[in-house]
Amino acid sequence: MVQREQGAKGGEQAKQVGKVVKPAEQQAVKPGEVAMPSLTDILERAEQAYAAYMDAQKEVAKAYRQNELDSEKSYKEAEIRAKNRRDENIKQALKVRDGAIEGAAKAREEALERVTKARDEAVAQAEQAYKRGIERAEQNYQSSELQAKSACDEATKQALRTYEQTIGQAWRKREETTQQAWRIYTKETKGAEQE
């Protein structure tokens, strides 16, 4: 469209030049005047200018196309960089997530180990306390048993001593009573015989 407009303008300019400039035969150059170029020269120059304009227009179109290609290339490069940044950010986020999960799992394992260790220690302490309690109960039982046996033996000995003393006293009392009875009997018997 630009070329058609320029072509139309070029034709109008050539017509105007034709009106202003007269053929070389009709022109007479007077001394001191500058000679006007011929219509052929003007047309030739116009064609050259038009050709230069067309070349310039091609260069402009080429520059626009190159600019479009460069813009497309810049866009593609920016897109690739953005995708790479996106992928790197996702990779980093996944790495952070995995690190957090790993840290949480490690903390959980450590907590379970501590709790298990505390439980085992508590069980061990309870078992030791249980064993000590059983040992103390056994020692108390044995000590009480010994004390009871000793007390029983002492009470038995005391009962036997008391029994023997009581029997001895009773025997002595019997002996005394028997002797008194014999003495009395013997006295009466002797007295009766003497009468």
Protein backbone atom coordinates (compact mmCIF):
# COMPACT_ATOMS: atom_id res chain seq x y z
CA MET A 1 0.00 0.00 0.00
CA VAL A 2 2.86 2.33 0.85
CA GLN A 3 4.55 1.38 -2.43
CA ARG A 4 1.36 2.18 -4.42
CA GLU A 5 1.02 5.54 -2.69
CA GLN A 6 4.68 6.29 -3.36
CA GLY A 7 4.29 5.21 -7.02
CA ALA A 8 1.31 7.57 -7.42
CA LYS A 9 3.26 10.41 -5.85
CA GLY A 10 6.23 9.68 -8.14
CA GLY A 11 3.92 9.90 -11.22
CA GLU A 12 2.47 13.22 -10.04
CA GLN A 13 5.97 14.59 -9.47
CA ALA A 14 6.99 13.55 -13.00
CA LYS A 15 3.91 15.34 -14.44
CA GLN A 16 4.73 18.46 -12.49
CA VAL A 17 8.34 18.33 -13.65
CA GLY A 18 7.06 17.95 -17.24
CA LYS A 19 4.92 21.05 -16.86
CA VAL A 20 7.71 23.16 -15.42
CA VAL A 21 10.57 21.98 -17.57
CA LYS A 22 10.45 22.54 -21.29
CA PRO A 23 12.23 20.31 -23.77
CA ALA A 24 15.88 21.11 -24.35
CA GLU A 25 15.16 22.37 -27.87
CA GLN A 26 12.60 24.86 -26.59
CA GLN A 27 14.89 26.15 -23.87
CA ALA A 28 17.47 28.67 -24.73
CA VAL A 29 20.14 29.17 -22.18
CA LYS A 30 21.01 32.73 -21.79
CA PRO A 31 24.40 33.78 -20.66
CA GLY A 32 24.60 33.90 -16.83
CA GLU A 33 21.67 31.47 -16.37
CA VAL A 34 21.92 27.94 -15.08
CA ALA A 35 20.82 25.24 -17.46
CA MET A 36 17.79 23.23 -16.33
CA PRO A 37 18.09 19.44 -16.45
CA SER A 38 16.23 17.62 -19.10
CA LEU A 39 13.05 15.62 -18.50
CA THR A 40 14.96 12.44 -19.14
CA ASP A 41 17.46 13.32 -16.42
CA ILE A 42 14.65 14.15 -14.04
CA LEU A 43 12.80 10.91 -14.79
CA GLU A 44 16.01 8.99 -14.40
CA ARG A 45 16.66 10.62 -11.07
CA ALA A 46 13.05 10.01 -10.01
CA GLU A 47 13.36 6.32 -10.92
CA GLN A 48 16.61 6.13 -8.99
CA ALA A 49 14.98 7.85 -6.00
CA TYR A 50 11.99 5.52 -6.27
CA ALA A 51 14.33 2.50 -6.50
CA ALA A 52 16.25 3.83 -3.47
CA TYR A 53 12.91 4.33 -1.69
CA MET A 54 11.87 0.76 -2.53
CA ASP A 55 15.25 -0.54 -1.32
CA ALA A 56 14.85 1.50 1.86
CA GLN A 57 11.33 0.13 2.29
CA LYS A 58 12.69 -3.40 1.83
CA GLU A 59 15.38 -2.64 4.40
CA VAL A 60 12.72 -1.30 6.77
CA ALA A 61 10.59 -4.44 6.20
CA LYS A 62 13.69 -6.56 6.67
CA ALA A 63 14.52 -4.60 9.85
CA TYR A 64 10.91 -5.09 11.08
CA ARG A 65 11.14 -8.82 10.32
CA GLN A 66 14.54 -9.04 12.02
CA ASN A 67 13.14 -7.12 14.98
CA GLU A 68 10.19 -9.55 15.06
CA LEU A 69 12.61 -12.53 14.93
CA ASP A 70 14.79 -10.96 17.62
CA SER A 71 11.70 -10.31 19.76
CA GLU A 72 10.58 -13.91 19.23
CA LYS A 73 14.07 -15.12 20.12
CA SER A 74 14.15 -12.88 23.22
CA TYR A 75 10.71 -14.18 24.21
CA LYS A 76 11.81 -17.81 23.75
CA GLU A 77 14.99 -17.16 25.75
CA ALA A 78 12.97 -15.40 28.48
CA GLU A 79 10.48 -18.29 28.46
CA ILE A 80 13.31 -20.82 28.78
CA ARG A 81 14.88 -18.80 31.60
CA ALA A 82 11.49 -18.52 33.33
CA LYS A 83 10.91 -22.27 32.95
CA ASN A 84 14.41 -22.98 34.26
CA ARG A 85 13.79 -20.65 37.23
CA ARG A 86 10.39 -22.28 37.80
CA ASP A 87 11.93 -25.77 37.64
CA GLU A 88 14.78 -24.69 39.93
CA ASN A 89 12.31 -23.13 42.41
CA ILE A 90 10.16 -26.28 42.35
CA LYS A 91 13.27 -28.41 42.80
CA GLN A 92 14.38 -26.20 45.70
CA ALA A 93 10.90 -26.33 47.26
CA LEU A 94 10.86 -30.13 46.95
CA LYS A 95 14.34 -30.27 48.44
CA VAL A 96 13.24 -28.07 51.36
CA ARG A 97 10.09 -30.20 51.79
CA ASP A 98 12.10 -33.44 51.72
CA GLY A 99 14.61 -31.95 54.16
CA ALA A 100 11.79 -30.90 56.50
CA ILE A 101 10.17 -34.34 56.28
CA GLU A 102 13.53 -36.01 56.86
CA GLY A 103 14.21 -33.72 59.83
CA ALA A 104 10.76 -34.44 61.26
CA ALA A 105 11.29 -38.18 60.79
CA LYS A 106 14.69 -37.96 62.47
CA ALA A 107 13.23 -35.94 65.36
CA ARG A 108 10.43 -38.52 65.69
CA GLU A 109 12.96 -41.38 65.76
CA GLU A 110 15.06 -39.57 68.36
CA ALA A 111 11.95 -38.85 70.45
CA LEU A 112 10.88 -42.50 70.21
CA GLU A 113 14.39 -43.59 71.22
CA ARG A 114 14.34 -41.22 74.20
CA VAL A 115 10.86 -42.35 75.25
CA THR A 116 11.77 -46.01 74.79
CA LYS A 117 14.99 -45.51 76.74
CA ALA A 118 13.11 -43.69 79.52
CA ARG A 119 10.51 -46.49 79.58
CA ASP A 120 13.22 -49.16 79.70
CA GLU A 121 15.02 -47.27 82.47
CA ALA A 122 11.74 -46.90 84.38
CA VAL A 123 11.02 -50.62 83.92
CA ALA A 124 14.56 -51.48 85.04
CA GLN A 125 14.23 -49.20 88.08
CA ALA A 126 10.82 -50.70 88.86
CA GLU A 127 12.26 -54.20 88.57
CA GLN A 128 15.16 -53.23 90.81
CA ALA A 129 12.77 -51.67 93.32
CA TYR A 130 10.60 -54.80 93.08
CA LYS A 131 13.62 -57.04 93.69
CA ARG A 132 14.79 -54.84 96.55
CA GLY A 133 11.27 -54.95 97.99
CA ILE A 134 11.21 -58.75 97.71
CA GLU A 135 14.67 -58.97 99.26
CA ARG A 136 13.64 -56.64 102.09
CA ALA A 137 10.43 -58.59 102.61
CA GLU A 138 12.40 -61.84 102.64
CA GLN A 139 14.95 -60.39 105.05
CA ASN A 140 12.15 -59.03 107.26
CA TYR A 141 10.42 -62.39 107.13
CA GLN A 142 13.60 -64.26 108.02
CA SER A 143 14.41 -61.77 110.75
CA SER A 144 10.86 -62.01 112.10
CA GLU A 145 10.99 -65.78 111.81
CA LEU A 146 14.26 -65.87 113.73
CA GLN A 147 12.85 -63.51 116.33
CA ALA A 148 9.67 -65.61 116.58
CA LYS A 149 11.69 -68.81 116.88
CA SER A 150 13.96 -67.21 119.43
CA ALA A 151 10.95 -65.91 121.34
CA CYS A 152 9.29 -69.33 121.05
CA ASP A 153 12.46 -71.08 122.19
CA GLU A 154 12.82 -68.64 125.06
CA ALA A 155 9.16 -69.00 126.00
CA THR A 156 9.47 -72.80 125.76
CA LYS A 157 12.59 -72.74 127.90
CA GLN A 158 10.89 -70.43 130.34
CA ALA A 159 7.81 -72.66 130.36
CA LEU A 160 10.00 -75.71 130.93
CA ARG A 161 11.89 -73.91 133.69
CA THR A 162 8.60 -72.82 135.24
CA TYR A 163 7.24 -76.32 134.80
CA GLU A 164 10.32 -77.86 136.37
CA GLN A 165 10.29 -75.33 139.18
CA THR A 166 6.59 -75.90 139.75
CA ILE A 167 7.03 -79.69 139.60
CA GLY A 168 10.05 -79.40 141.87
CA GLN A 169 8.15 -77.28 144.33
CA ALA A 170 5.16 -79.59 144.15
CA TRP A 171 7.43 -82.57 144.65
CA ARG A 172 9.09 -80.94 147.58
CA LYS A 173 5.71 -79.98 149.00
CA ARG A 174 4.54 -83.56 148.53
CA GLU A 175 7.68 -84.81 150.18
CA GLU A 176 7.19 -82.46 153.09
CA THR A 177 3.52 -83.33 153.33
CA THR A 178 4.28 -87.02 153.11
CA GLN A 179 6.98 -86.74 155.73
CA GLN A 180 4.73 -84.78 158.02
CA ALA A 181 2.01 -87.31 157.51
CA TRP A 182 4.46 -90.12 158.30
CA ARG A 183 5.72 -88.30 161.30
CA ILE A 184 2.24 -87.76 162.56
CA TYR A 185 1.30 -91.29 161.75
CA THR A 186 4.42 -92.59 163.32
CA LYS A 187 3.82 -90.57 166.47
CA GLU A 188 0.31 -91.74 166.84
CA THR A 189 1.33 -95.25 166.16
CA LYS A 190 4.06 -95.14 168.79
CA GLY A 191 1.70 -93.47 171.21
CA ALA A 192 -0.91 -96.12 170.65
CA GLU A 193 1.61 -98.86 171.13
CA GLN A 194 2.77 -97.37 174.36
CA GLU A 195 -0.68 -97.18 175.74
